[in-house]
Amino acid sequence: MAGRADHEERRRQIAEALLRIADAEGLQAASMRAVAAEAGVSLRLVQYYFATKEGLLLDALARLGAQLQARMDRWIGAAGSASSPPSPRGIVTAILSCILPTDPESRRITRTYAAYYTLVLNSPTALESHGTLQPDRLEGFLTKQLRAAQRSGEIDLAKDAGMTAAGLLSMVNGLGSSVLAGQRDGAAALAVLTHHLDELFGTPAGRRSPHPA
């Protein structure tokens, strides 16, 4: 068991080195040699754990997805309480708000995902069967929450939940890009999101901050 844990720790160390390079310089700078230097290990060790660059990229992408999932879980948890689980609106608000680059963690995650998107755009065959896994799952989860909100009377039944979920995610991705580009800050992006959610759900009587304590 100890040996297996050591191997996993080495893989994590190397994959997170790639993610740091992707965040700071983009994936074009993340050669196997550069990753080895960032991780503080030999190139041979990187090649031992990851025989190909694509294998390393996919492993790191899965870890990035896990980091985003952990962040979403924290924000969803903060949207409810010990005695009252979060409502569909609370869940949708928490997920979309936590994706926006409003703090160091979310800015790092957003920049690193952007590095992966750039890689796919520049090399259409790279990660083509993996790059949409998390966005597809997220869109599907949001769609379920919006349908639950329709059943509880929070959203008009005439709305297409799938199209609405896709539109909200596209808007948040665009807002994230505008924050990274300096067009607006995180608070302004959150205000835009809140405006559209109020149009969808209605303005709540007592608004609660989506940010976990």
C-alpha atoms as a PDB file:
ATOM      1  CA  MET A   1       0.000   0.000   0.000  1.00  0.00           C
ATOM      2  CA  ALA A   2       2.825   2.397   0.858  1.00  0.00           C
ATOM      3  CA  GLY A   3       4.464   1.810  -2.506  1.00  0.00           C
ATOM      4  CA  ARG A   4       1.200   2.483  -4.323  1.00  0.00           C
ATOM      5  CA  ALA A   5       0.700   5.674  -2.332  1.00  0.00           C
ATOM      6  CA  ASP A   6       4.226   6.791  -3.190  1.00  0.00           C
ATOM      7  CA  HIS A   7       3.583   6.203  -6.888  1.00  0.00           C
ATOM      8  CA  GLU A   8       0.352   8.190  -6.734  1.00  0.00           C
ATOM      9  CA  GLU A   9       2.125  11.018  -4.919  1.00  0.00           C
ATOM     10  CA  ARG A  10       4.771  11.132  -7.666  1.00  0.00           C
ATOM     11  CA  ARG A  11       2.111  11.219 -10.376  1.00  0.00           C
ATOM     12  CA  ARG A  12       0.288  13.995  -8.539  1.00  0.00           C
ATOM     13  CA  GLN A  13       3.518  15.966  -8.100  1.00  0.00           C
ATOM     14  CA  ILE A  14       4.290  15.763 -11.819  1.00  0.00           C
ATOM     15  CA  ALA A  15       0.726  16.488 -13.001  1.00  0.00           C
ATOM     16  CA  GLU A  16       0.394  19.502 -10.717  1.00  0.00           C
ATOM     17  CA  ALA A  17       3.694  20.827 -12.048  1.00  0.00           C
ATOM     18  CA  LEU A  18       2.172  20.752 -15.525  1.00  0.00           C
ATOM     19  CA  LEU A  19      -0.921  22.583 -14.253  1.00  0.00           C
ATOM     20  CA  ARG A  20       1.241  25.321 -12.717  1.00  0.00           C
ATOM     21  CA  ILE A  21       3.053  25.820 -16.022  1.00  0.00           C
ATOM     22  CA  ALA A  22      -0.260  25.858 -17.913  1.00  0.00           C
ATOM     23  CA  ASP A  23      -1.597  28.523 -15.550  1.00  0.00           C
ATOM     24  CA  ALA A  24       1.485  30.739 -15.756  1.00  0.00           C
ATOM     25  CA  GLU A  25       2.689  30.266 -19.324  1.00  0.00           C
ATOM     26  CA  GLY A  26       0.209  28.126 -21.255  1.00  0.00           C
ATOM     27  CA  LEU A  27       0.504  24.505 -22.289  1.00  0.00           C
ATOM     28  CA  GLN A  28       2.807  25.349 -25.180  1.00  0.00           C
ATOM     29  CA  ALA A  29       5.489  25.881 -22.524  1.00  0.00           C
ATOM     30  CA  ALA A  30       4.788  22.571 -20.768  1.00  0.00           C
ATOM     31  CA  SER A  31       7.329  20.282 -22.415  1.00  0.00           C
ATOM     32  CA  MET A  32       8.204  17.089 -20.580  1.00  0.00           C
ATOM     33  CA  ARG A  33      11.571  18.625 -19.703  1.00  0.00           C
ATOM     34  CA  ALA A  34       9.936  21.812 -18.380  1.00  0.00           C
ATOM     35  CA  VAL A  35       7.497  19.774 -16.301  1.00  0.00           C
ATOM     36  CA  ALA A  36      10.380  17.767 -14.845  1.00  0.00           C
ATOM     37  CA  ALA A  37      12.182  20.964 -13.880  1.00  0.00           C
ATOM     38  CA  GLU A  38       9.030  22.458 -12.328  1.00  0.00           C
ATOM     39  CA  ALA A  39       8.354  19.252 -10.375  1.00  0.00           C
ATOM     40  CA  GLY A  40      11.972  19.008  -9.226  1.00  0.00           C
ATOM     41  CA  VAL A  41      12.470  15.536 -10.689  1.00  0.00           C
ATOM     42  CA  SER A  42      14.404  14.047 -13.585  1.00  0.00           C
ATOM     43  CA  LEU A  43      13.061  13.889 -17.125  1.00  0.00           C
ATOM     44  CA  ARG A  44      13.483  10.119 -16.952  1.00  0.00           C
ATOM     45  CA  LEU A  45      11.156   9.965 -13.934  1.00  0.00           C
ATOM     46  CA  VAL A  46       8.480  11.967 -15.764  1.00  0.00           C
ATOM     47  CA  GLN A  47       8.786   9.571 -18.710  1.00  0.00           C
ATOM     48  CA  TYR A  48       8.576   6.599 -16.346  1.00  0.00           C
ATOM     49  CA  TYR A  49       5.240   7.716 -14.916  1.00  0.00           C
ATOM     50  CA  PHE A  50       3.865   9.189 -18.141  1.00  0.00           C
ATOM     51  CA  ALA A  51       5.054   7.450 -21.273  1.00  0.00           C
ATOM     52  CA  THR A  52       3.492  10.098 -23.523  1.00  0.00           C
ATOM     53  CA  LYS A  53       2.787  13.802 -23.320  1.00  0.00           C
ATOM     54  CA  GLU A  54      -0.897  13.123 -24.033  1.00  0.00           C
ATOM     55  CA  GLY A  55      -1.065  10.773 -21.044  1.00  0.00           C
ATOM     56  CA  LEU A  56       0.334  13.493 -18.810  1.00  0.00           C
ATOM     57  CA  LEU A  57      -2.062  16.081 -20.241  1.00  0.00           C
ATOM     58  CA  LEU A  58      -5.066  13.826 -19.648  1.00  0.00           C
ATOM     59  CA  ASP A  59      -4.014  12.971 -16.100  1.00  0.00           C
ATOM     60  CA  ALA A  60      -3.529  16.639 -15.260  1.00  0.00           C
ATOM     61  CA  LEU A  61      -6.859  17.546 -16.880  1.00  0.00           C
ATOM     62  CA  ALA A  62      -8.639  14.956 -14.710  1.00  0.00           C
ATOM     63  CA  ARG A  63      -6.999  16.438 -11.616  1.00  0.00           C
ATOM     64  CA  LEU A  64      -8.058  19.936 -12.662  1.00  0.00           C
ATOM     65  CA  GLY A  65     -11.605  18.659 -13.040  1.00  0.00           C
ATOM     66  CA  ALA A  66     -11.446  17.160  -9.556  1.00  0.00           C
ATOM     67  CA  GLN A  67     -10.280  20.506  -8.164  1.00  0.00           C
ATOM     68  CA  LEU A  68     -13.222  22.274  -9.799  1.00  0.00           C
ATOM     69  CA  GLN A  69     -15.624  19.606  -8.533  1.00  0.00           C
ATOM     70  CA  ALA A  70     -14.327  20.014  -4.985  1.00  0.00           C
ATOM     71  CA  ARG A  71     -14.833  23.774  -5.248  1.00  0.00           C
ATOM     72  CA  MET A  72     -18.390  23.313  -6.536  1.00  0.00           C
ATOM     73  CA  ASP A  73     -19.163  20.872  -3.714  1.00  0.00           C
ATOM     74  CA  ARG A  74     -18.000  23.419  -1.123  1.00  0.00           C
ATOM     75  CA  TRP A  75     -20.105  26.194  -2.649  1.00  0.00           C
ATOM     76  CA  ILE A  76     -23.182  23.972  -2.965  1.00  0.00           C
ATOM     77  CA  GLY A  77     -22.759  22.944   0.671  1.00  0.00           C
ATOM     78  CA  ALA A  78     -22.560  26.592   1.713  1.00  0.00           C
ATOM     79  CA  ALA A  79     -25.815  27.322  -0.155  1.00  0.00           C
ATOM     80  CA  GLY A  80     -27.756  25.182   2.321  1.00  0.00           C
ATOM     81  CA  SER A  81     -27.642  24.546   6.045  1.00  0.00           C
ATOM     82  CA  ALA A  82     -27.561  21.608   8.434  1.00  0.00           C
ATOM     83  CA  SER A  83     -31.350  21.566   8.582  1.00  0.00           C
ATOM     84  CA  SER A  84     -32.167  22.678   5.038  1.00  0.00           C
ATOM     85  CA  PRO A  85     -30.534  21.386   1.859  1.00  0.00           C
ATOM     86  CA  PRO A  86     -29.912  23.938  -0.906  1.00  0.00           C
ATOM     87  CA  SER A  87     -32.771  24.629  -3.295  1.00  0.00           C
ATOM     88  CA  PRO A  88     -32.363  24.117  -7.053  1.00  0.00           C
ATOM     89  CA  ARG A  89     -31.871  27.863  -7.369  1.00  0.00           C
ATOM     90  CA  GLY A  90     -29.247  27.784  -4.620  1.00  0.00           C
ATOM     91  CA  ILE A  91     -27.402  24.964  -6.376  1.00  0.00           C
ATOM     92  CA  VAL A  92     -27.493  26.662  -9.785  1.00  0.00           C
ATOM     93  CA  THR A  93     -26.349  29.964  -8.272  1.00  0.00           C
ATOM     94  CA  ALA A  94     -23.535  28.289  -6.335  1.00  0.00           C
ATOM     95  CA  ILE A  95     -22.206  26.377  -9.340  1.00  0.00           C
ATOM     96  CA  LEU A  96     -22.256  29.292 -11.752  1.00  0.00           C
ATOM     97  CA  SER A  97     -20.873  31.739  -9.183  1.00  0.00           C
ATOM     98  CA  CYS A  98     -17.996  29.474  -8.179  1.00  0.00           C
ATOM     99  CA  ILE A  99     -16.893  29.077 -11.800  1.00  0.00           C
ATOM    100  CA  LEU A 100     -16.449  32.826 -12.237  1.00  0.00           C
ATOM    101  CA  PRO A 101     -12.811  33.911 -11.642  1.00  0.00           C
ATOM    102  CA  THR A 102     -13.489  35.998  -8.548  1.00  0.00           C
ATOM    103  CA  ASP A 103     -10.659  34.755  -6.287  1.00  0.00           C
ATOM    104  CA  PRO A 104      -7.161  33.261  -6.705  1.00  0.00           C
ATOM    105  CA  GLU A 105      -8.377  29.647  -6.844  1.00  0.00           C
ATOM    106  CA  SER A 106     -11.050  30.249  -9.476  1.00  0.00           C
ATOM    107  CA  ARG A 107      -8.740  32.465 -11.539  1.00  0.00           C
ATOM    108  CA  ARG A 108      -6.127  29.710 -11.560  1.00  0.00           C
ATOM    109  CA  ILE A 109      -8.687  27.088 -12.581  1.00  0.00           C
ATOM    110  CA  THR A 110     -10.133  29.335 -15.303  1.00  0.00           C
ATOM    111  CA  ARG A 111      -6.714  30.210 -16.736  1.00  0.00           C
ATOM    112  CA  THR A 112      -5.668  26.562 -16.787  1.00  0.00           C
ATOM    113  CA  TYR A 113      -8.848  25.435 -18.533  1.00  0.00           C
ATOM    114  CA  ALA A 114      -8.256  28.230 -21.048  1.00  0.00           C
ATOM    115  CA  ALA A 115      -4.798  26.768 -21.702  1.00  0.00           C
ATOM    116  CA  TYR A 116      -6.404  23.406 -22.498  1.00  0.00           C
ATOM    117  CA  TYR A 117      -8.977  25.025 -24.791  1.00  0.00           C
ATOM    118  CA  THR A 118      -6.168  26.775 -26.651  1.00  0.00           C
ATOM    119  CA  LEU A 119      -4.358  23.458 -27.059  1.00  0.00           C
ATOM    120  CA  VAL A 120      -7.457  21.832 -28.570  1.00  0.00           C
ATOM    121  CA  LEU A 121      -8.042  24.784 -30.910  1.00  0.00           C
ATOM    122  CA  ASN A 122      -4.449  24.658 -32.141  1.00  0.00           C
ATOM    123  CA  SER A 123      -4.428  20.873 -32.439  1.00  0.00           C
ATOM    124  CA  PRO A 124      -7.966  19.601 -33.168  1.00  0.00           C
ATOM    125  CA  THR A 125      -7.058  15.952 -32.539  1.00  0.00           C
ATOM    126  CA  ALA A 126      -5.502  16.644 -29.128  1.00  0.00           C
ATOM    127  CA  LEU A 127      -7.793  15.553 -26.285  1.00  0.00           C
ATOM    128  CA  GLU A 128     -10.781  15.723 -28.635  1.00  0.00           C
ATOM    129  CA  SER A 129     -12.526  12.803 -26.909  1.00  0.00           C
ATOM    130  CA  HIS A 130     -11.809  14.129 -23.408  1.00  0.00           C
ATOM    131  CA  GLY A 131     -12.009  17.913 -23.440  1.00  0.00           C
ATOM    132  CA  THR A 132     -15.809  18.088 -23.320  1.00  0.00           C
ATOM    133  CA  LEU A 133     -16.426  15.444 -20.640  1.00  0.00           C
ATOM    134  CA  GLN A 134     -16.671  17.789 -17.662  1.00  0.00           C
ATOM    135  CA  PRO A 135     -18.586  20.580 -19.491  1.00  0.00           C
ATOM    136  CA  ASP A 136     -21.114  18.008 -20.762  1.00  0.00           C
ATOM    137  CA  ARG A 137     -21.623  16.569 -17.285  1.00  0.00           C
ATOM    138  CA  LEU A 138     -21.963  20.033 -15.783  1.00  0.00           C
ATOM    139  CA  GLU A 139     -24.497  21.090 -18.400  1.00  0.00           C
ATOM    140  CA  GLY A 140     -26.495  17.935 -17.750  1.00  0.00           C
ATOM    141  CA  PHE A 141     -26.442  18.520 -13.985  1.00  0.00           C
ATOM    142  CA  LEU A 142     -27.582  22.123 -14.371  1.00  0.00           C
ATOM    143  CA  THR A 143     -30.378  20.982 -16.675  1.00  0.00           C
ATOM    144  CA  LYS A 144     -31.626  18.588 -13.955  1.00  0.00           C
ATOM    145  CA  GLN A 145     -31.577  21.399 -11.394  1.00  0.00           C
ATOM    146  CA  LEU A 146     -33.528  23.712 -13.683  1.00  0.00           C
ATOM    147  CA  ARG A 147     -36.134  21.000 -14.282  1.00  0.00           C
ATOM    148  CA  ALA A 148     -36.425  20.541 -10.523  1.00  0.00           C
ATOM    149  CA  ALA A 149     -36.964  24.296 -10.240  1.00  0.00           C
ATOM    150  CA  GLN A 150     -39.711  24.056 -12.859  1.00  0.00           C
ATOM    151  CA  ARG A 151     -41.426  21.292 -10.885  1.00  0.00           C
ATOM    152  CA  SER A 152     -41.325  23.437  -7.735  1.00  0.00           C
ATOM    153  CA  GLY A 153     -42.745  26.445  -9.579  1.00  0.00           C
ATOM    154  CA  GLU A 154     -39.575  28.562  -9.459  1.00  0.00           C
ATOM    155  CA  ILE A 155     -39.173  28.668 -13.248  1.00  0.00           C
ATOM    156  CA  ASP A 156     -41.716  28.871 -16.061  1.00  0.00           C
ATOM    157  CA  LEU A 157     -42.528  25.398 -17.377  1.00  0.00           C
ATOM    158  CA  ALA A 158     -42.449  26.750 -20.919  1.00  0.00           C
ATOM    159  CA  LYS A 159     -38.686  27.302 -20.762  1.00  0.00           C
ATOM    160  CA  ASP A 160     -36.379  24.706 -22.324  1.00  0.00           C
ATOM    161  CA  ALA A 161     -34.223  23.609 -19.386  1.00  0.00           C
ATOM    162  CA  GLY A 162     -31.459  22.194 -21.583  1.00  0.00           C
ATOM    163  CA  MET A 163     -31.162  25.310 -23.708  1.00  0.00           C
ATOM    164  CA  THR A 164     -31.276  27.507 -20.598  1.00  0.00           C
ATOM    165  CA  ALA A 165     -28.483  25.519 -18.942  1.00  0.00           C
ATOM    166  CA  ALA A 166     -26.341  25.733 -22.076  1.00  0.00           C
ATOM    167  CA  GLY A 167     -26.954  29.475 -22.293  1.00  0.00           C
ATOM    168  CA  LEU A 168     -26.067  30.081 -18.647  1.00  0.00           C
ATOM    169  CA  LEU A 169     -22.822  28.136 -18.927  1.00  0.00           C
ATOM    170  CA  SER A 170     -21.888  29.921 -22.136  1.00  0.00           C
ATOM    171  CA  MET A 171     -22.563  33.261 -20.479  1.00  0.00           C
ATOM    172  CA  VAL A 172     -20.420  32.370 -17.453  1.00  0.00           C
ATOM    173  CA  ASN A 173     -17.574  31.207 -19.695  1.00  0.00           C
ATOM    174  CA  GLY A 174     -17.769  34.496 -21.571  1.00  0.00           C
ATOM    175  CA  LEU A 175     -17.861  36.481 -18.341  1.00  0.00           C
ATOM    176  CA  GLY A 176     -14.821  34.558 -17.117  1.00  0.00           C
ATOM    177  CA  SER A 177     -12.917  35.480 -20.269  1.00  0.00           C
ATOM    178  CA  SER A 178     -13.877  39.118 -19.838  1.00  0.00           C
ATOM    179  CA  VAL A 179     -12.508  39.092 -16.271  1.00  0.00           C
ATOM    180  CA  LEU A 180      -9.223  37.513 -17.349  1.00  0.00           C
ATOM    181  CA  ALA A 181      -8.950  40.047 -20.174  1.00  0.00           C
ATOM    182  CA  GLY A 182      -9.519  42.960 -17.781  1.00  0.00           C
ATOM    183  CA  GLN A 183     -12.823  44.117 -19.251  1.00  0.00           C
ATOM    184  CA  ARG A 184     -14.550  43.815 -15.863  1.00  0.00           C
ATOM    185  CA  ASP A 185     -13.663  42.603 -12.394  1.00  0.00           C
ATOM    186  CA  GLY A 186     -15.080  39.585 -10.600  1.00  0.00           C
ATOM    187  CA  ALA A 187     -17.720  41.600  -8.738  1.00  0.00           C
ATOM    188  CA  ALA A 188     -19.026  43.090 -11.983  1.00  0.00           C
ATOM    189  CA  ALA A 189     -19.161  39.650 -13.598  1.00  0.00           C
ATOM    190  CA  LEU A 190     -21.061  38.296 -10.606  1.00  0.00           C
ATOM    191  CA  ALA A 191     -23.514  41.206 -10.889  1.00  0.00           C
ATOM    192  CA  VAL A 192     -24.218  40.286 -14.524  1.00  0.00           C
ATOM    193  CA  LEU A 193     -24.807  36.656 -13.562  1.00  0.00           C
ATOM    194  CA  THR A 194     -27.090  37.669 -10.685  1.00  0.00           C
ATOM    195  CA  HIS A 195     -29.118  39.882 -13.020  1.00  0.00           C
ATOM    196  CA  HIS A 196     -29.782  36.983 -15.402  1.00  0.00           C
ATOM    197  CA  LEU A 197     -30.586  34.563 -12.591  1.00  0.00           C
ATOM    198  CA  ASP A 198     -33.067  37.071 -11.153  1.00  0.00           C
ATOM    199  CA  GLU A 199     -34.705  37.272 -14.566  1.00  0.00           C
ATOM    200  CA  LEU A 200     -34.914  33.478 -14.674  1.00  0.00           C
ATOM    201  CA  PHE A 201     -35.993  32.757 -11.091  1.00  0.00           C
ATOM    202  CA  GLY A 202     -37.277  36.121  -9.876  1.00  0.00           C
ATOM    203  CA  THR A 203     -35.622  38.385  -7.315  1.00  0.00           C
ATOM    204  CA  PRO A 204     -35.398  36.653  -3.914  1.00  0.00           C
ATOM    205  CA  ALA A 205     -36.818  38.456  -0.873  1.00  0.00           C
ATOM    206  CA  GLY A 206     -33.609  38.040   1.105  1.00  0.00           C
ATOM    207  CA  ARG A 207     -30.524  37.584  -0.992  1.00  0.00           C
ATOM    208  CA  ARG A 208     -27.732  35.405   0.387  1.00  0.00           C
ATOM    209  CA  SER A 209     -24.129  35.619  -0.771  1.00  0.00           C
ATOM    210  CA  PRO A 210     -23.192  32.573  -2.913  1.00  0.00           C
ATOM    211  CA  HIS A 211     -19.626  32.661  -1.592  1.00  0.00           C
ATOM    212  CA  PRO A 212     -18.941  30.070   1.142  1.00  0.00           C
ATOM    213  CA  ALA A 213     -17.605  31.408   4.406  1.00  0.00           C
END
